[in-house]
């Protein structure tokens, strides 16, 4: 599993390094209404198996069999609000009219930096 993870990180790193200048998002009119976009975002997040596994691993440390339903609900609601707040913050910050063009103009450098980091992590896994 460790070697497979390292290989996957290396593969992602190489793909990021090879990404060209193309493929940047074009800004324009939004085709869907905000409610539809919010619903689609929630469905994508909830269907992400990595997110589900992360929260199961994280929350299982705080939930015990003798806890009441209210305490369990509070823990899940808190995690959900933090997660949703993070998605909203990132979406608003990265789509700002001053930030988005800057990111699009430097997207290839962001890809390259990401590729180097991923290759470094893969190497660290292989060495360590």
N, C-alpha and C. Protein backbone atom coordinates (compact mmCIF):
# COMPACT_ATOMS: atom_id res chain seq x y z
N UNK A 1 0.84 -1.20 0.00
CA UNK A 1 0.00 0.00 0.00
C UNK A 1 0.88 1.24 0.00
N UNK A 2 1.97 1.20 0.78
CA UNK A 2 2.86 2.35 0.85
C UNK A 2 3.49 2.64 -0.51
N UNK A 3 3.98 1.59 -1.16
CA UNK A 3 4.60 1.79 -2.47
C UNK A 3 3.58 2.26 -3.51
N UNK A 4 2.37 1.74 -3.42
CA UNK A 4 1.32 2.19 -4.32
C UNK A 4 0.97 3.64 -4.11
N UNK A 5 0.92 4.06 -2.85
CA UNK A 5 0.65 5.46 -2.54
C UNK A 5 1.75 6.37 -3.06
N UNK A 6 3.00 5.93 -2.88
CA UNK A 6 4.14 6.72 -3.38
C UNK A 6 4.09 6.82 -4.90
N UNK A 7 3.76 5.71 -5.56
CA UNK A 7 3.67 5.73 -7.03
C UNK A 7 2.55 6.65 -7.49
N UNK A 8 1.43 6.62 -6.78
CA UNK A 8 0.32 7.49 -7.15
C UNK A 8 0.68 8.97 -6.97
N UNK A 9 1.34 9.29 -5.86
CA UNK A 9 1.78 10.67 -5.65
C UNK A 9 2.76 11.10 -6.74
N UNK A 10 3.68 10.21 -7.10
CA UNK A 10 4.64 10.53 -8.16
C UNK A 10 3.93 10.75 -9.49
N UNK A 11 2.95 9.89 -9.78
CA UNK A 11 2.19 10.03 -11.02
C UNK A 11 1.45 11.37 -11.05
N UNK A 12 0.82 11.74 -9.95
CA UNK A 12 0.14 13.03 -9.87
C UNK A 12 1.14 14.18 -10.04
N UNK A 13 2.32 14.04 -9.42
CA UNK A 13 3.35 15.07 -9.54
C UNK A 13 3.81 15.25 -10.96
N UNK A 14 4.04 14.15 -11.67
CA UNK A 14 4.48 14.23 -13.07
C UNK A 14 3.38 14.86 -13.92
N UNK A 15 2.13 14.46 -13.69
CA UNK A 15 1.03 15.06 -14.44
C UNK A 15 0.93 16.57 -14.18
N UNK A 16 1.16 16.98 -12.94
CA UNK A 16 1.11 18.41 -12.63
C UNK A 16 2.26 19.15 -13.30
N UNK A 17 3.43 18.55 -13.31
CA UNK A 17 4.58 19.18 -13.97
C UNK A 17 4.38 19.28 -15.48
N UNK A 18 3.72 18.31 -16.07
CA UNK A 18 3.52 18.29 -17.52
C UNK A 18 2.34 19.12 -17.96
N UNK A 19 1.53 19.59 -17.02
CA UNK A 19 0.36 20.40 -17.38
C UNK A 19 0.83 21.69 -18.03
N UNK A 20 0.28 22.00 -19.14
CA UNK A 20 0.68 23.20 -19.87
C UNK A 20 -0.07 24.42 -19.39
N UNK A 21 0.03 25.43 -20.22
CA UNK A 21 -0.66 26.67 -19.90
C UNK A 21 -2.15 26.59 -20.21
N UNK A 22 -2.57 25.64 -20.99
CA UNK A 22 -3.97 25.50 -21.36
C UNK A 22 -4.78 24.96 -20.20
N UNK A 23 -6.06 24.95 -20.40
CA UNK A 23 -6.95 24.36 -19.42
C UNK A 23 -7.37 25.29 -18.30
N UNK A 24 -7.04 26.58 -18.41
CA UNK A 24 -7.49 27.50 -17.37
C UNK A 24 -8.98 27.72 -17.52
N UNK A 25 -9.60 28.00 -16.43
CA UNK A 25 -11.04 28.22 -16.44
C UNK A 25 -11.36 29.56 -17.07
N UNK A 26 -12.35 29.55 -17.89
CA UNK A 26 -12.83 30.79 -18.50
C UNK A 26 -13.94 31.35 -17.63
N UNK A 27 -13.80 32.60 -17.25
CA UNK A 27 -14.87 33.21 -16.46
C UNK A 27 -15.96 33.67 -17.40
N UNK A 28 -17.14 33.63 -16.95
CA UNK A 28 -18.27 34.04 -17.77
C UNK A 28 -19.53 33.94 -16.95
N UNK A 29 -20.61 33.89 -17.62
CA UNK A 29 -21.90 33.78 -16.95
C UNK A 29 -22.04 32.39 -16.33
N UNK A 30 -22.60 32.35 -15.15
CA UNK A 30 -22.86 31.07 -14.50
C UNK A 30 -24.13 30.49 -15.09
N UNK A 31 -24.05 29.23 -15.51
CA UNK A 31 -25.18 28.61 -16.18
C UNK A 31 -26.28 28.18 -15.22
N UNK A 32 -25.93 27.93 -13.98
CA UNK A 32 -26.94 27.43 -13.04
C UNK A 32 -27.22 28.47 -11.97
N UNK A 33 -28.37 28.29 -11.35
CA UNK A 33 -28.75 29.18 -10.26
C UNK A 33 -27.91 28.84 -9.03
N UNK A 34 -27.75 29.79 -8.09
CA UNK A 34 -26.96 29.52 -6.89
C UNK A 34 -27.45 28.32 -6.08
N UNK A 35 -28.75 28.13 -6.00
CA UNK A 35 -29.28 26.99 -5.26
C UNK A 35 -28.89 25.66 -5.89
N UNK A 36 -28.92 25.61 -7.22
CA UNK A 36 -28.54 24.39 -7.93
C UNK A 36 -27.05 24.14 -7.75
N UNK A 37 -26.25 25.19 -7.84
CA UNK A 37 -24.81 25.04 -7.65
C UNK A 37 -24.48 24.58 -6.23
N UNK A 38 -25.19 25.12 -5.24
CA UNK A 38 -24.97 24.71 -3.85
C UNK A 38 -25.35 23.25 -3.66
N UNK A 39 -26.48 22.85 -4.22
CA UNK A 39 -26.91 21.45 -4.12
C UNK A 39 -25.89 20.51 -4.76
N UNK A 40 -25.41 20.88 -5.96
CA UNK A 40 -24.43 20.05 -6.65
C UNK A 40 -23.13 19.95 -5.84
N UNK A 41 -22.72 21.05 -5.23
CA UNK A 41 -21.51 21.03 -4.41
C UNK A 41 -21.65 20.13 -3.20
N UNK A 42 -22.80 20.18 -2.55
CA UNK A 42 -23.05 19.32 -1.39
C UNK A 42 -23.05 17.86 -1.80
N UNK A 43 -23.70 17.55 -2.92
CA UNK A 43 -23.75 16.16 -3.38
C UNK A 43 -22.36 15.64 -3.75
N UNK A 44 -21.54 16.48 -4.38
CA UNK A 44 -20.17 16.06 -4.70
C UNK A 44 -19.37 15.81 -3.42
N UNK A 45 -19.50 16.69 -2.46
CA UNK A 45 -18.76 16.53 -1.20
C UNK A 45 -19.21 15.28 -0.45
N UNK A 46 -20.51 15.05 -0.40
CA UNK A 46 -21.02 13.89 0.34
C UNK A 46 -20.73 12.57 -0.36
N UNK A 47 -20.56 12.61 -1.67
CA UNK A 47 -20.26 11.39 -2.42
C UNK A 47 -18.76 11.10 -2.49
N UNK A 48 -17.94 11.97 -1.93
CA UNK A 48 -16.49 11.78 -1.97
C UNK A 48 -16.08 10.76 -0.91
N UNK A 49 -15.61 9.60 -1.32
CA UNK A 49 -15.26 8.58 -0.32
C UNK A 49 -14.11 9.00 0.59
N UNK A 50 -13.20 9.82 0.10
CA UNK A 50 -12.10 10.27 0.96
C UNK A 50 -12.62 11.13 2.09
N UNK A 51 -13.59 11.98 1.81
CA UNK A 51 -14.17 12.83 2.84
C UNK A 51 -14.91 11.99 3.87
N UNK A 52 -15.65 11.00 3.39
CA UNK A 52 -16.39 10.13 4.30
C UNK A 52 -15.41 9.39 5.21
N UNK A 53 -14.36 8.81 4.65
CA UNK A 53 -13.38 8.09 5.46
C UNK A 53 -12.67 9.01 6.44
N UNK A 54 -12.37 10.22 6.01
CA UNK A 54 -11.71 11.18 6.90
C UNK A 54 -12.58 11.47 8.11
N UNK A 55 -13.85 11.76 7.88
CA UNK A 55 -14.72 12.10 9.00
C UNK A 55 -15.02 10.90 9.88
N UNK A 56 -15.13 9.73 9.30
CA UNK A 56 -15.33 8.53 10.12
C UNK A 56 -14.12 8.32 11.03
N UNK A 57 -12.92 8.46 10.46
CA UNK A 57 -11.71 8.28 11.27
C UNK A 57 -11.58 9.36 12.33
N UNK A 58 -11.91 10.59 11.98
CA UNK A 58 -11.79 11.70 12.92
C UNK A 58 -12.84 11.63 14.02
N UNK A 59 -14.08 11.46 13.63
CA UNK A 59 -15.17 11.53 14.60
C UNK A 59 -15.26 10.29 15.48
N UNK A 60 -14.75 9.16 15.01
CA UNK A 60 -14.83 7.94 15.82
C UNK A 60 -14.04 8.06 17.11
N UNK A 61 -13.10 8.98 17.16
CA UNK A 61 -12.32 9.19 18.38
C UNK A 61 -13.13 9.88 19.46
N UNK A 62 -14.17 10.58 19.08
CA UNK A 62 -14.94 11.38 20.03
C UNK A 62 -16.31 10.80 20.35
N UNK A 63 -16.74 9.83 19.59
CA UNK A 63 -18.06 9.23 19.79
C UNK A 63 -17.89 7.89 20.49
N UNK A 64 -18.67 7.69 21.54
CA UNK A 64 -18.65 6.41 22.24
C UNK A 64 -20.06 5.81 22.20
N UNK A 65 -20.14 4.54 22.48
CA UNK A 65 -21.42 3.83 22.40
C UNK A 65 -22.43 4.35 23.42
N UNK A 66 -21.96 4.85 24.55
CA UNK A 66 -22.89 5.30 25.59
C UNK A 66 -23.31 6.77 25.45
N UNK A 67 -22.87 7.45 24.40
CA UNK A 67 -23.27 8.84 24.17
C UNK A 67 -24.72 8.89 23.71
N UNK A 68 -25.38 9.95 24.07
CA UNK A 68 -26.75 10.16 23.64
C UNK A 68 -26.82 10.64 22.21
N UNK A 69 -27.99 10.57 21.63
CA UNK A 69 -28.18 11.00 20.25
C UNK A 69 -27.90 12.49 20.09
N UNK A 70 -28.23 13.29 21.10
CA UNK A 70 -27.99 14.73 21.02
C UNK A 70 -26.51 15.06 20.93
N UNK A 71 -25.69 14.38 21.72
CA UNK A 71 -24.24 14.62 21.68
C UNK A 71 -23.66 14.18 20.35
N UNK A 72 -24.11 13.04 19.84
CA UNK A 72 -23.63 12.58 18.54
C UNK A 72 -24.04 13.54 17.43
N UNK A 73 -25.26 14.03 17.51
CA UNK A 73 -25.74 14.98 16.52
C UNK A 73 -24.94 16.28 16.58
N UNK A 74 -24.61 16.72 17.78
CA UNK A 74 -23.82 17.94 17.93
C UNK A 74 -22.44 17.78 17.31
N UNK A 75 -21.81 16.64 17.50
CA UNK A 75 -20.48 16.39 16.93
C UNK A 75 -20.55 16.39 15.40
N UNK A 76 -21.53 15.70 14.84
CA UNK A 76 -21.66 15.64 13.39
C UNK A 76 -22.02 17.00 12.82
N UNK A 77 -22.90 17.73 13.48
CA UNK A 77 -23.29 19.07 13.00
C UNK A 77 -22.11 20.03 13.04
N UNK A 78 -21.31 19.95 14.10
CA UNK A 78 -20.13 20.82 14.19
C UNK A 78 -19.16 20.53 13.06
N UNK A 79 -18.87 19.26 12.82
CA UNK A 79 -17.96 18.91 11.73
C UNK A 79 -18.53 19.34 10.38
N UNK A 80 -19.83 19.17 10.19
CA UNK A 80 -20.46 19.56 8.93
C UNK A 80 -20.40 21.06 8.72
N UNK A 81 -20.66 21.83 9.76
CA UNK A 81 -20.60 23.30 9.64
C UNK A 81 -19.19 23.78 9.35
N UNK A 82 -18.20 23.18 9.99
CA UNK A 82 -16.81 23.56 9.73
C UNK A 82 -16.44 23.24 8.29
N UNK A 83 -16.81 22.05 7.83
CA UNK A 83 -16.51 21.64 6.46
C UNK A 83 -17.21 22.55 5.45
N UNK A 84 -18.49 22.80 5.65
CA UNK A 84 -19.23 23.67 4.74
C UNK A 84 -18.67 25.09 4.76
N UNK A 85 -18.34 25.58 5.95
CA UNK A 85 -17.74 26.91 6.05
C UNK A 85 -16.44 27.02 5.29
N UNK A 86 -15.63 25.96 5.37
CA UNK A 86 -14.36 25.95 4.64
C UNK A 86 -14.60 26.01 3.13
N UNK A 87 -15.54 25.19 2.62
CA UNK A 87 -15.84 25.21 1.19
C UNK A 87 -16.33 26.58 0.74
N UNK A 88 -17.19 27.20 1.52
CA UNK A 88 -17.70 28.51 1.16
C UNK A 88 -16.58 29.55 1.18
N UNK A 89 -15.74 29.51 2.21
CA UNK A 89 -14.63 30.45 2.30
C UNK A 89 -13.68 30.32 1.11
N UNK A 90 -13.32 29.10 0.76
CA UNK A 90 -12.42 28.88 -0.37
C UNK A 90 -13.08 29.34 -1.67
N UNK A 91 -14.33 28.99 -1.87
CA UNK A 91 -15.03 29.39 -3.10
C UNK A 91 -15.11 30.90 -3.23
N UNK A 92 -15.44 31.57 -2.15
CA UNK A 92 -15.54 33.03 -2.20
C UNK A 92 -14.17 33.69 -2.38
N UNK A 93 -13.18 33.20 -1.67
CA UNK A 93 -11.85 33.80 -1.75
C UNK A 93 -11.22 33.59 -3.12
N UNK A 94 -11.32 32.38 -3.66
CA UNK A 94 -10.65 32.08 -4.92
C UNK A 94 -11.40 32.58 -6.13
N UNK A 95 -12.66 32.90 -5.99
CA UNK A 95 -13.42 33.39 -7.14
C UNK A 95 -13.56 34.92 -7.13
N UNK A 96 -12.92 35.57 -6.18
CA UNK A 96 -12.97 37.03 -6.11
C UNK A 96 -12.41 37.63 -7.40
N UNK A 97 -12.95 38.76 -7.81
CA UNK A 97 -12.58 39.35 -9.10
C UNK A 97 -11.11 39.75 -9.18
N UNK A 98 -10.44 39.92 -8.06
CA UNK A 98 -9.01 40.24 -8.09
C UNK A 98 -8.15 39.00 -8.00
N UNK A 99 -8.65 37.96 -7.35
CA UNK A 99 -7.86 36.76 -7.11
C UNK A 99 -7.90 35.81 -8.31
N UNK A 100 -9.08 35.61 -8.90
CA UNK A 100 -9.23 34.64 -9.97
C UNK A 100 -8.34 34.93 -11.18
N UNK A 101 -8.30 36.16 -11.69
CA UNK A 101 -7.39 36.41 -12.83
C UNK A 101 -5.92 36.18 -12.46
N UNK A 102 -5.54 36.51 -11.24
CA UNK A 102 -4.16 36.29 -10.80
C UNK A 102 -3.85 34.80 -10.80
N UNK A 103 -4.77 33.99 -10.28
CA UNK A 103 -4.57 32.54 -10.25
C UNK A 103 -4.53 31.97 -11.67
N UNK A 104 -5.40 32.45 -12.54
CA UNK A 104 -5.42 31.94 -13.92
C UNK A 104 -4.13 32.29 -14.66
N UNK A 105 -3.60 33.48 -14.43
CA UNK A 105 -2.37 33.88 -15.10
C UNK A 105 -1.17 33.09 -14.61
N UNK A 106 -1.20 32.60 -13.40
CA UNK A 106 -0.08 31.87 -12.82
C UNK A 106 -0.38 30.39 -12.60
N UNK A 107 -1.41 29.90 -13.25
CA UNK A 107 -1.83 28.51 -13.06
C UNK A 107 -0.75 27.51 -13.38
N UNK A 108 0.04 27.76 -14.42
CA UNK A 108 1.09 26.81 -14.78
C UNK A 108 2.18 26.76 -13.71
N UNK A 109 2.45 27.88 -13.06
CA UNK A 109 3.45 27.87 -11.98
C UNK A 109 2.89 27.17 -10.74
N UNK A 110 1.61 27.34 -10.50
CA UNK A 110 0.99 26.63 -9.37
C UNK A 110 1.03 25.14 -9.63
N UNK A 111 0.76 24.72 -10.88
CA UNK A 111 0.86 23.30 -11.23
C UNK A 111 2.27 22.78 -11.03
N UNK A 112 3.24 23.54 -11.44
CA UNK A 112 4.64 23.11 -11.29
C UNK A 112 5.02 22.98 -9.83
N UNK A 113 4.66 23.96 -9.02
CA UNK A 113 4.97 23.89 -7.59
C UNK A 113 4.28 22.70 -6.94
N UNK A 114 3.03 22.46 -7.33
CA UNK A 114 2.31 21.31 -6.81
C UNK A 114 2.99 20.02 -7.23
N UNK A 115 3.44 19.94 -8.47
CA UNK A 115 4.14 18.76 -8.95
C UNK A 115 5.40 18.48 -8.18
N UNK A 116 6.17 19.53 -7.90
CA UNK A 116 7.40 19.36 -7.13
C UNK A 116 7.10 18.87 -5.72
N UNK A 117 6.07 19.44 -5.09
CA UNK A 117 5.69 19.02 -3.74
C UNK A 117 5.25 17.56 -3.74
N UNK A 118 4.44 17.17 -4.71
CA UNK A 118 3.96 15.78 -4.76
C UNK A 118 5.10 14.80 -5.02
N UNK A 119 6.02 15.16 -5.91
CA UNK A 119 7.18 14.30 -6.13
C UNK A 119 8.06 14.22 -4.89
N UNK A 120 8.19 15.33 -4.18
CA UNK A 120 8.95 15.32 -2.93
C UNK A 120 8.32 14.43 -1.89
N UNK A 121 6.99 14.46 -1.80
CA UNK A 121 6.30 13.59 -0.86
C UNK A 121 6.47 12.12 -1.25
N UNK A 122 6.39 11.84 -2.52
CA UNK A 122 6.58 10.45 -2.99
C UNK A 122 7.98 9.98 -2.66
N UNK A 123 8.98 10.83 -2.88
CA UNK A 123 10.35 10.47 -2.56
C UNK A 123 10.53 10.26 -1.06
N UNK A 124 9.92 11.09 -0.28
CA UNK A 124 9.99 10.96 1.18
C UNK A 124 9.40 9.64 1.64
N UNK A 125 8.31 9.24 1.03
CA UNK A 125 7.69 7.96 1.37
C UNK A 125 8.61 6.81 1.00
N UNK A 126 9.22 6.88 -0.17
CA UNK A 126 10.10 5.81 -0.62
C UNK A 126 11.34 5.73 0.25
N UNK A 127 11.92 6.86 0.59
CA UNK A 127 13.14 6.88 1.42
C UNK A 127 12.82 6.50 2.87
N UNK A 128 11.72 7.06 3.40
CA UNK A 128 11.41 6.86 4.81
C UNK A 128 10.75 5.54 5.05
